[in-house]
Amino acid sequence: MHHSFSPVWWGRKLEVRKRSWTEITVDILEVALVPSNKMRIMYKSNLNFERFNKYFSDLLRKGLIVEMDNDGRRVYEATDRGKNLLEVLRKAQEIFSEEP
């Protein structure tokens, strides 16, 4: 007997797909437009701990997000370079979502 996985919520079938690098990067950078702690960025980006750390550390390393001290609390904010990338990625998403 063959069983297929098909998530159902309130009687409707849900689409299950992984977000692309672009979608996840946009989500993280959008949250980081205002100084935020890691937990808030992870939660608002809808990522689990492992995936979040992978993307977040990459964005930090590339200078797209910067760590700052806010009254003894560590917060993170998108740099000018990160804001520029966010603008480019948003524009690309807009272009690719247009109907031909």
PDB file of N, CA and C in Angstrom:
ATOM      1  N   MET A   1       0.840  -1.170   0.000  1.00  0.00           N
ATOM      2  CA  MET A   1       0.000   0.000   0.000  1.00  0.00           C
ATOM      3  C   MET A   1       0.891   1.240   0.000  1.00  0.00           C
ATOM      4  N   HIS A   2       0.552   2.227  -0.822  1.00  0.00           N
ATOM      5  CA  HIS A   2       1.350   3.438  -0.956  1.00  0.00           C
ATOM      6  C   HIS A   2       0.618   4.612  -0.316  1.00  0.00           C
ATOM      7  N   HIS A   3       1.308   5.308   0.601  1.00  0.00           N
ATOM      8  CA  HIS A   3       0.733   6.491   1.238  1.00  0.00           C
ATOM      9  C   HIS A   3       1.510   7.717   0.768  1.00  0.00           C
ATOM     10  N   SER A   4       0.811   8.726   0.355  1.00  0.00           N
ATOM     11  CA  SER A   4       1.499   9.958  -0.022  1.00  0.00           C
ATOM     12  C   SER A   4       1.240  11.004   1.050  1.00  0.00           C
ATOM     13  N   PHE A   5       2.217  11.847   1.269  1.00  0.00           N
ATOM     14  CA  PHE A   5       2.088  12.902   2.255  1.00  0.00           C
ATOM     15  C   PHE A   5       1.367  14.070   1.621  1.00  0.00           C
ATOM     16  N   SER A   6       0.312  14.507   2.251  1.00  0.00           N
ATOM     17  CA  SER A   6      -0.443  15.622   1.726  1.00  0.00           C
ATOM     18  C   SER A   6      -1.014  16.405   2.887  1.00  0.00           C
ATOM     19  N   PRO A   7      -0.288  17.441   3.315  1.00  0.00           N
ATOM     20  CA  PRO A   7      -0.736  18.215   4.463  1.00  0.00           C
ATOM     21  C   PRO A   7      -2.115  18.825   4.227  1.00  0.00           C
ATOM     22  N   VAL A   8      -2.946  18.754   5.240  1.00  0.00           N
ATOM     23  CA  VAL A   8      -4.288  19.305   5.123  1.00  0.00           C
ATOM     24  C   VAL A   8      -4.544  20.183   6.344  1.00  0.00           C
ATOM     25  N   TRP A   9      -5.125  21.333   6.113  1.00  0.00           N
ATOM     26  CA  TRP A   9      -5.471  22.244   7.188  1.00  0.00           C
ATOM     27  C   TRP A   9      -6.842  22.784   6.893  1.00  0.00           C
ATOM     28  N   TRP A  10      -7.755  22.585   7.791  1.00  0.00           N
ATOM     29  CA  TRP A  10      -9.145  23.015   7.628  1.00  0.00           C
ATOM     30  C   TRP A  10      -9.737  22.547   6.306  1.00  0.00           C
ATOM     31  N   GLY A  11      -9.399  21.311   5.929  1.00  0.00           N
ATOM     32  CA  GLY A  11     -10.005  20.723   4.747  1.00  0.00           C
ATOM     33  C   GLY A  11      -9.405  21.172   3.429  1.00  0.00           C
ATOM     34  N   ARG A  12      -8.401  22.039   3.479  1.00  0.00           N
ATOM     35  CA  ARG A  12      -7.757  22.486   2.235  1.00  0.00           C
ATOM     36  C   ARG A  12      -6.344  21.936   2.179  1.00  0.00           C
ATOM     37  N   LYS A  13      -5.919  21.589   1.001  1.00  0.00           N
ATOM     38  CA  LYS A  13      -4.560  21.091   0.817  1.00  0.00           C
ATOM     39  C   LYS A  13      -3.594  22.276   0.850  1.00  0.00           C
ATOM     40  N   LEU A  14      -2.515  22.132   1.590  1.00  0.00           N
ATOM     41  CA  LEU A  14      -1.508  23.182   1.671  1.00  0.00           C
ATOM     42  C   LEU A  14      -0.381  22.898   0.692  1.00  0.00           C
ATOM     43  N   GLU A  15       0.174  23.954   0.139  1.00  0.00           N
ATOM     44  CA  GLU A  15       1.316  23.802  -0.736  1.00  0.00           C
ATOM     45  C   GLU A  15       2.570  23.758   0.131  1.00  0.00           C
ATOM     46  N   VAL A  16       3.378  22.733  -0.044  1.00  0.00           N
ATOM     47  CA  VAL A  16       4.604  22.604   0.729  1.00  0.00           C
ATOM     48  C   VAL A  16       5.776  22.731  -0.233  1.00  0.00           C
ATOM     49  N   ARG A  17       6.543  23.805  -0.052  1.00  0.00           N
ATOM     50  CA  ARG A  17       7.736  23.969  -0.877  1.00  0.00           C
ATOM     51  C   ARG A  17       8.763  24.749  -0.070  1.00  0.00           C
ATOM     52  N   LYS A  18      10.000  24.520  -0.405  1.00  0.00           N
ATOM     53  CA  LYS A  18      11.066  25.250   0.279  1.00  0.00           C
ATOM     54  C   LYS A  18      11.236  26.610  -0.379  1.00  0.00           C
ATOM     55  N   ARG A  19      11.469  27.614   0.451  1.00  0.00           N
ATOM     56  CA  ARG A  19      11.732  28.944  -0.086  1.00  0.00           C
ATOM     57  C   ARG A  19      13.134  28.981  -0.677  1.00  0.00           C
ATOM     58  N   SER A  20      13.291  29.814  -1.674  1.00  0.00           N
ATOM     59  CA  SER A  20      14.591  29.955  -2.330  1.00  0.00           C
ATOM     60  C   SER A  20      15.528  30.801  -1.480  1.00  0.00           C
ATOM     61  N   TRP A  21      16.810  30.788  -1.862  1.00  0.00           N
ATOM     62  CA  TRP A  21      17.805  31.617  -1.199  1.00  0.00           C
ATOM     63  C   TRP A  21      17.356  33.071  -1.232  1.00  0.00           C
ATOM     64  N   THR A  22      16.860  33.509  -2.382  1.00  0.00           N
ATOM     65  CA  THR A  22      16.415  34.894  -2.545  1.00  0.00           C
ATOM     66  C   THR A  22      15.285  35.228  -1.578  1.00  0.00           C
ATOM     67  N   GLU A  23      14.280  34.367  -1.493  1.00  0.00           N
ATOM     68  CA  GLU A  23      13.141  34.624  -0.608  1.00  0.00           C
ATOM     69  C   GLU A  23      13.570  34.708   0.854  1.00  0.00           C
ATOM     70  N   ILE A  24      14.428  33.807   1.275  1.00  0.00           N
ATOM     71  CA  ILE A  24      14.888  33.789   2.666  1.00  0.00           C
ATOM     72  C   ILE A  24      15.753  35.017   2.957  1.00  0.00           C
ATOM     73  N   THR A  25      16.631  35.370   2.035  1.00  0.00           N
ATOM     74  CA  THR A  25      17.484  36.543   2.209  1.00  0.00           C
ATOM     75  C   THR A  25      16.638  37.807   2.305  1.00  0.00           C
ATOM     76  N   VAL A  26      15.633  37.933   1.458  1.00  0.00           N
ATOM     77  CA  VAL A  26      14.721  39.087   1.506  1.00  0.00           C
ATOM     78  C   VAL A  26      14.021  39.127   2.862  1.00  0.00           C
ATOM     79  N   ASP A  27      13.528  37.991   3.317  1.00  0.00           N
ATOM     80  CA  ASP A  27      12.828  37.945   4.609  1.00  0.00           C
ATOM     81  C   ASP A  27      13.720  38.405   5.754  1.00  0.00           C
ATOM     82  N   ILE A  28      14.950  37.928   5.800  1.00  0.00           N
ATOM     83  CA  ILE A  28      15.876  38.293   6.875  1.00  0.00           C
ATOM     84  C   ILE A  28      16.235  39.773   6.806  1.00  0.00           C
ATOM     85  N   LEU A  29      16.581  40.250   5.612  1.00  0.00           N
ATOM     86  CA  LEU A  29      16.979  41.653   5.466  1.00  0.00           C
ATOM     87  C   LEU A  29      15.827  42.610   5.768  1.00  0.00           C
ATOM     88  N   GLU A  30      14.613  42.224   5.411  1.00  0.00           N
ATOM     89  CA  GLU A  30      13.455  43.077   5.710  1.00  0.00           C
ATOM     90  C   GLU A  30      13.285  43.266   7.214  1.00  0.00           C
ATOM     91  N   VAL A  31      13.429  42.200   7.972  1.00  0.00           N
ATOM     92  CA  VAL A  31      13.307  42.297   9.428  1.00  0.00           C
ATOM     93  C   VAL A  31      14.449  43.143   9.987  1.00  0.00           C
ATOM     94  N   ALA A  32      15.645  42.970   9.411  1.00  0.00           N
ATOM     95  CA  ALA A  32      16.827  43.662   9.911  1.00  0.00           C
ATOM     96  C   ALA A  32      16.911  45.127   9.464  1.00  0.00           C
ATOM     97  N   LEU A  33      15.882  45.638   8.818  1.00  0.00           N
ATOM     98  CA  LEU A  33      15.874  47.061   8.481  1.00  0.00           C
ATOM     99  C   LEU A  33      15.817  47.913   9.745  1.00  0.00           C
ATOM    100  N   VAL A  34      15.260  47.338  10.797  1.00  0.00           N
ATOM    101  CA  VAL A  34      15.282  47.994  12.111  1.00  0.00           C
ATOM    102  C   VAL A  34      16.120  47.110  13.033  1.00  0.00           C
ATOM    103  N   PRO A  35      16.906  47.725  13.944  1.00  0.00           N
ATOM    104  CA  PRO A  35      17.745  46.912  14.835  1.00  0.00           C
ATOM    105  C   PRO A  35      16.902  45.873  15.584  1.00  0.00           C
ATOM    106  N   SER A  36      17.301  44.614  15.467  1.00  0.00           N
ATOM    107  CA  SER A  36      16.546  43.506  16.058  1.00  0.00           C
ATOM    108  C   SER A  36      17.495  42.470  16.614  1.00  0.00           C
ATOM    109  N   ASN A  37      17.026  41.732  17.626  1.00  0.00           N
ATOM    110  CA  ASN A  37      17.857  40.639  18.130  1.00  0.00           C
ATOM    111  C   ASN A  37      17.672  39.413  17.226  1.00  0.00           C
ATOM    112  N   LYS A  38      18.577  38.449  17.392  1.00  0.00           N
ATOM    113  CA  LYS A  38      18.552  37.256  16.538  1.00  0.00           C
ATOM    114  C   LYS A  38      17.221  36.516  16.610  1.00  0.00           C
ATOM    115  N   MET A  39      16.670  36.392  17.821  1.00  0.00           N
ATOM    116  CA  MET A  39      15.431  35.633  17.998  1.00  0.00           C
ATOM    117  C   MET A  39      14.289  36.261  17.196  1.00  0.00           C
ATOM    118  N   ARG A  40      14.189  37.579  17.239  1.00  0.00           N
ATOM    119  CA  ARG A  40      13.128  38.269  16.500  1.00  0.00           C
ATOM    120  C   ARG A  40      13.303  38.073  14.997  1.00  0.00           C
ATOM    121  N   ILE A  41      14.548  38.187  14.523  1.00  0.00           N
ATOM    122  CA  ILE A  41      14.811  38.016  13.094  1.00  0.00           C
ATOM    123  C   ILE A  41      14.470  36.594  12.669  1.00  0.00           C
ATOM    124  N   MET A  42      14.883  35.613  13.472  1.00  0.00           N
ATOM    125  CA  MET A  42      14.598  34.210  13.158  1.00  0.00           C
ATOM    126  C   MET A  42      13.094  33.960  13.133  1.00  0.00           C
ATOM    127  N   TYR A  43      12.383  34.458  14.137  1.00  0.00           N
ATOM    128  CA  TYR A  43      10.939  34.255  14.247  1.00  0.00           C
ATOM    129  C   TYR A  43      10.198  34.925  13.087  1.00  0.00           C
ATOM    130  N   LYS A  44      10.519  36.193  12.822  1.00  0.00           N
ATOM    131  CA  LYS A  44       9.833  36.940  11.759  1.00  0.00           C
ATOM    132  C   LYS A  44      10.172  36.408  10.371  1.00  0.00           C
ATOM    133  N   SER A  45      11.331  35.771  10.234  1.00  0.00           N
ATOM    134  CA  SER A  45      11.741  35.190   8.952  1.00  0.00           C
ATOM    135  C   SER A  45      11.172  33.793   8.755  1.00  0.00           C
ATOM    136  N   ASN A  46      10.523  33.275   9.803  1.00  0.00           N
ATOM    137  CA  ASN A  46       9.903  31.954   9.752  1.00  0.00           C
ATOM    138  C   ASN A  46      10.907  30.856   9.376  1.00  0.00           C
ATOM    139  N   LEU A  47      12.026  30.830  10.117  1.00  0.00           N
ATOM    140  CA  LEU A  47      13.062  29.829   9.879  1.00  0.00           C
ATOM    141  C   LEU A  47      13.352  29.063  11.159  1.00  0.00           C
ATOM    142  N   ASN A  48      13.733  27.800  11.004  1.00  0.00           N
ATOM    143  CA  ASN A  48      14.167  27.066  12.176  1.00  0.00           C
ATOM    144  C   ASN A  48      15.607  27.481  12.511  1.00  0.00           C
ATOM    145  N   PHE A  49      16.056  27.104  13.687  1.00  0.00           N
ATOM    146  CA  PHE A  49      17.354  27.536  14.207  1.00  0.00           C
ATOM    147  C   PHE A  49      18.501  27.207  13.250  1.00  0.00           C
ATOM    148  N   GLU A  50      18.523  25.993  12.737  1.00  0.00           N
ATOM    149  CA  GLU A  50      19.619  25.547  11.881  1.00  0.00           C
ATOM    150  C   GLU A  50      19.681  26.333  10.567  1.00  0.00           C
ATOM    151  N   ARG A  51      18.542  26.450   9.892  1.00  0.00           N
ATOM    152  CA  ARG A  51      18.521  27.188   8.621  1.00  0.00           C
ATOM    153  C   ARG A  51      18.808  28.666   8.849  1.00  0.00           C
ATOM    154  N   PHE A  52      18.257  29.220   9.920  1.00  0.00           N
ATOM    155  CA  PHE A  52      18.486  30.621  10.219  1.00  0.00           C
ATOM    156  C   PHE A  52      19.977  30.895  10.397  1.00  0.00           C
ATOM    157  N   ASN A  53      20.641  30.097  11.221  1.00  0.00           N
ATOM    158  CA  ASN A  53      22.068  30.316  11.486  1.00  0.00           C
ATOM    159  C   ASN A  53      22.905  30.225  10.215  1.00  0.00           C
ATOM    160  N   LYS A  54      22.546  29.311   9.330  1.00  0.00           N
ATOM    161  CA  LYS A  54      23.275  29.162   8.068  1.00  0.00           C
ATOM    162  C   LYS A  54      23.188  30.452   7.249  1.00  0.00           C
ATOM    163  N   TYR A  55      21.994  30.950   7.069  1.00  0.00           N
ATOM    164  CA  TYR A  55      21.797  32.158   6.268  1.00  0.00           C
ATOM    165  C   TYR A  55      22.327  33.395   6.988  1.00  0.00           C
ATOM    166  N   PHE A  56      22.011  33.507   8.265  1.00  0.00           N
ATOM    167  CA  PHE A  56      22.372  34.692   9.041  1.00  0.00           C
ATOM    168  C   PHE A  56      23.880  34.880   9.109  1.00  0.00           C
ATOM    169  N   SER A  57      24.616  33.803   9.394  1.00  0.00           N
ATOM    170  CA  SER A  57      26.079  33.924   9.492  1.00  0.00           C
ATOM    171  C   SER A  57      26.671  34.304   8.138  1.00  0.00           C
ATOM    172  N   ASP A  58      26.081  33.825   7.062  1.00  0.00           N
ATOM    173  CA  ASP A  58      26.540  34.178   5.720  1.00  0.00           C
ATOM    174  C   ASP A  58      26.318  35.672   5.454  1.00  0.00           C
ATOM    175  N   LEU A  59      25.147  36.191   5.845  1.00  0.00           N
ATOM    176  CA  LEU A  59      24.857  37.614   5.647  1.00  0.00           C
ATOM    177  C   LEU A  59      25.786  38.488   6.496  1.00  0.00           C
ATOM    178  N   LEU A  60      26.086  38.046   7.718  1.00  0.00           N
ATOM    179  CA  LEU A  60      27.040  38.770   8.572  1.00  0.00           C
ATOM    180  C   LEU A  60      28.425  38.792   7.942  1.00  0.00           C
ATOM    181  N   ARG A  61      28.882  37.620   7.505  1.00  0.00           N
ATOM    182  CA  ARG A  61      30.219  37.469   6.926  1.00  0.00           C
ATOM    183  C   ARG A  61      30.385  38.336   5.672  1.00  0.00           C
ATOM    184  N   LYS A  62      29.315  38.489   4.914  1.00  0.00           N
ATOM    185  CA  LYS A  62      29.380  39.258   3.668  1.00  0.00           C
ATOM    186  C   LYS A  62      29.127  40.751   3.882  1.00  0.00           C
ATOM    187  N   GLY A  63      28.936  41.150   5.136  1.00  0.00           N
ATOM    188  CA  GLY A  63      28.765  42.565   5.436  1.00  0.00           C
ATOM    189  C   GLY A  63      27.400  43.115   5.063  1.00  0.00           C
ATOM    190  N   LEU A  64      26.401  42.244   4.992  1.00  0.00           N
ATOM    191  CA  LEU A  64      25.047  42.672   4.646  1.00  0.00           C
ATOM    192  C   LEU A  64      24.236  43.000   5.897  1.00  0.00           C
ATOM    193  N   ILE A  65      24.692  42.457   7.028  1.00  0.00           N
ATOM    194  CA  ILE A  65      24.103  42.724   8.341  1.00  0.00           C
ATOM    195  C   ILE A  65      25.262  43.006   9.286  1.00  0.00           C
ATOM    196  N   VAL A  66      25.037  43.914  10.223  1.00  0.00           N
ATOM    197  CA  VAL A  66      26.090  44.254  11.180  1.00  0.00           C
ATOM    198  C   VAL A  66      25.563  44.072  12.601  1.00  0.00           C
ATOM    199  N   GLU A  67      26.455  43.631  13.484  1.00  0.00           N
ATOM    200  CA  GLU A  67      26.113  43.477  14.902  1.00  0.00           C
ATOM    201  C   GLU A  67      26.393  44.789  15.616  1.00  0.00           C
ATOM    202  N   MET A  68      25.456  45.204  16.484  1.00  0.00           N
ATOM    203  CA  MET A  68      25.626  46.451  17.233  1.00  0.00           C
ATOM    204  C   MET A  68      25.269  46.210  18.691  1.00  0.00           C
ATOM    205  N   ASP A  69      25.722  47.135  19.539  1.00  0.00           N
ATOM    206  CA  ASP A  69      25.385  47.089  20.960  1.00  0.00           C
ATOM    207  C   ASP A  69      24.302  48.118  21.224  1.00  0.00           C
ATOM    208  N   ASN A  70      23.200  47.679  21.828  1.00  0.00           N
ATOM    209  CA  ASN A  70      22.091  48.569  22.153  1.00  0.00           C
ATOM    210  C   ASN A  70      21.823  48.454  23.651  1.00  0.00           C
ATOM    211  N   ASP A  71      22.467  49.316  24.438  1.00  0.00           N
ATOM    212  CA  ASP A  71      22.340  49.279  25.902  1.00  0.00           C
ATOM    213  C   ASP A  71      22.646  47.899  26.476  1.00  0.00           C
ATOM    214  N   GLY A  72      23.749  47.315  26.016  1.00  0.00           N
ATOM    215  CA  GLY A  72      24.177  46.019  26.522  1.00  0.00           C
ATOM    216  C   GLY A  72      23.526  44.832  25.833  1.00  0.00           C
ATOM    217  N   ARG A  73      22.598  45.086  24.934  1.00  0.00           N
ATOM    218  CA  ARG A  73      21.952  43.992  24.180  1.00  0.00           C
ATOM    219  C   ARG A  73      22.532  43.957  22.771  1.00  0.00           C
ATOM    220  N   ARG A  74      22.763  42.757  22.274  1.00  0.00           N
ATOM    221  CA  ARG A  74      23.253  42.595  20.913  1.00  0.00           C
ATOM    222  C   ARG A  74      22.080  42.671  19.949  1.00  0.00           C
ATOM    223  N   VAL A  75      22.158  43.589  19.003  1.00  0.00           N
ATOM    224  CA  VAL A  75      21.138  43.687  17.964  1.00  0.00           C
ATOM    225  C   VAL A  75      21.831  43.705  16.605  1.00  0.00           C
ATOM    226  N   TYR A  76      21.073  43.434  15.594  1.00  0.00           N
ATOM    227  CA  TYR A  76      21.608  43.328  14.243  1.00  0.00           C
ATOM    228  C   TYR A  76      20.762  44.195  13.317  1.00  0.00           C
ATOM    229  N   GLU A  77      21.457  44.812  12.349  1.00  0.00           N
ATOM    230  CA  GLU A  77      20.757  45.690  11.424  1.00  0.00           C
ATOM    231  C   GLU A  77      21.372  45.543  10.032  1.00  0.00           C
ATOM    232  N   ALA A  78      20.524  45.688   9.019  1.00  0.00           N
ATOM    233  CA  ALA A  78      21.015  45.637   7.644  1.00  0.00           C
ATOM    234  C   ALA A  78      21.933  46.828   7.396  1.00  0.00           C
ATOM    235  N   THR A  79      23.052  46.576   6.753  1.00  0.00           N
ATOM    236  CA  THR A  79      23.981  47.641   6.380  1.00  0.00           C
ATOM    237  C   THR A  79      23.465  48.301   5.100  1.00  0.00           C
ATOM    238  N   ASP A  80      24.129  49.371   4.676  1.00  0.00           N
ATOM    239  CA  ASP A  80      23.754  49.995   3.399  1.00  0.00           C
ATOM    240  C   ASP A  80      23.879  48.983   2.261  1.00  0.00           C
ATOM    241  N   ARG A  81      24.909  48.168   2.334  1.00  0.00           N
ATOM    242  CA  ARG A  81      25.107  47.122   1.324  1.00  0.00           C
ATOM    243  C   ARG A  81      23.943  46.116   1.349  1.00  0.00           C
ATOM    244  N   GLY A  82      23.496  45.763   2.552  1.00  0.00           N
ATOM    245  CA  GLY A  82      22.357  44.849   2.696  1.00  0.00           C
ATOM    246  C   GLY A  82      21.076  45.470   2.181  1.00  0.00           C
ATOM    247  N   LYS A  83      20.888  46.769   2.442  1.00  0.00           N
ATOM    248  CA  LYS A  83      19.694  47.469   1.960  1.00  0.00           C
ATOM    249  C   LYS A  83      19.685  47.547   0.439  1.00  0.00           C
ATOM    250  N   ASN A  84      20.869  47.761  -0.148  1.00  0.00           N
ATOM    251  CA  ASN A  84      20.973  47.784  -1.612  1.00  0.00           C
ATOM    252  C   ASN A  84      20.637  46.420  -2.206  1.00  0.00           C
ATOM    253  N   LEU A  85      21.151  45.358  -1.587  1.00  0.00           N
ATOM    254  CA  LEU A  85      20.844  44.010  -2.063  1.00  0.00           C
ATOM    255  C   LEU A  85      19.351  43.737  -1.938  1.00  0.00           C
ATOM    256  N   LEU A  86      18.759  44.127  -0.838  1.00  0.00           N
ATOM    257  CA  LEU A  86      17.325  43.932  -0.628  1.00  0.00           C
ATOM    258  C   LEU A  86      16.524  44.601  -1.741  1.00  0.00           C
ATOM    259  N   GLU A  87      16.897  45.814  -2.103  1.00  0.00           N
ATOM    260  CA  GLU A  87      16.204  46.538  -3.168  1.00  0.00           C
ATOM    261  C   GLU A  87      16.315  45.799  -4.503  1.00  0.00           C
ATOM    262  N   VAL A  88      17.510  45.310  -4.806  1.00  0.00           N
ATOM    263  CA  VAL A  88      17.736  44.572  -6.054  1.00  0.00           C
ATOM    264  C   VAL A  88      16.921  43.275  -6.066  1.00  0.00           C
ATOM    265  N   LEU A  89      16.928  42.539  -4.955  1.00  0.00           N
ATOM    266  CA  LEU A  89      16.194  41.275  -4.889  1.00  0.00           C
ATOM    267  C   LEU A  89      14.688  41.494  -4.987  1.00  0.00           C
ATOM    268  N   ARG A  90      14.188  42.536  -4.340  1.00  0.00           N
ATOM    269  CA  ARG A  90      12.753  42.855  -4.439  1.00  0.00           C
ATOM    270  C   ARG A  90      12.376  43.159  -5.886  1.00  0.00           C
ATOM    271  N   LYS A  91      13.209  43.942  -6.564  1.00  0.00           N
ATOM    272  CA  LYS A  91      12.949  44.296  -7.964  1.00  0.00           C
ATOM    273  C   LYS A  91      12.961  43.041  -8.829  1.00  0.00           C
ATOM    274  N   ALA A  92      13.922  42.147  -8.588  1.00  0.00           N
ATOM    275  CA  ALA A  92      13.997  40.898  -9.346  1.00  0.00           C
ATOM    276  C   ALA A  92      12.743  40.049  -9.112  1.00  0.00           C
ATOM    277  N   GLN A  93      12.292  39.963  -7.864  1.00  0.00           N
ATOM    278  CA  GLN A  93      11.085  39.197  -7.561  1.00  0.00           C
ATOM    279  C   GLN A  93       9.887  39.799  -8.284  1.00  0.00           C
ATOM    280  N   GLU A  94       9.828  41.110  -8.315  1.00  0.00           N
ATOM    281  CA  GLU A  94       8.723  41.807  -8.990  1.00  0.00           C
ATOM    282  C   GLU A  94       8.725  41.492 -10.481  1.00  0.00           C
ATOM    283  N   ILE A  95       9.905  41.560 -11.098  1.00  0.00           N
ATOM    284  CA  ILE A  95      10.025  41.297 -12.537  1.00  0.00           C
ATOM    285  C   ILE A  95       9.630  39.864 -12.857  1.00  0.00           C
ATOM    286  N   PHE A  96      10.113  38.898 -12.050  1.00  0.00           N
ATOM    287  CA  PHE A  96       9.829  37.493 -12.342  1.00  0.00           C
ATOM    288  C   PHE A  96       8.396  37.084 -11.995  1.00  0.00           C
ATOM    289  N   SER A  97       7.705  37.888 -11.196  1.00  0.00           N
ATOM    290  CA  SER A  97       6.320  37.529 -10.856  1.00  0.00           C
ATOM    291  C   SER A  97       5.326  38.153 -11.829  1.00  0.00           C
ATOM    292  N   GLU A  98       5.797  39.023 -12.721  1.00  0.00           N
ATOM    293  CA  GLU A  98       4.907  39.647 -13.702  1.00  0.00           C
ATOM    294  C   GLU A  98       4.445  38.631 -14.730  1.00  0.00           C
ATOM    295  N   GLU A  99       3.214  38.804 -15.157  1.00  0.00           N
ATOM    296  CA  GLU A  99       2.667  37.961 -16.233  1.00  0.00           C
ATOM    297  C   GLU A  99       3.233  38.437 -17.557  1.00  0.00           C
ATOM    298  N   PRO A 100       3.602  37.521 -18.445  1.00  0.00           N
ATOM    299  CA  PRO A 100       4.144  37.928 -19.762  1.00  0.00           C
ATOM    300  C   PRO A 100       3.079  38.555 -20.644  1.00  0.00           C
TER     301      PRO A 100
END
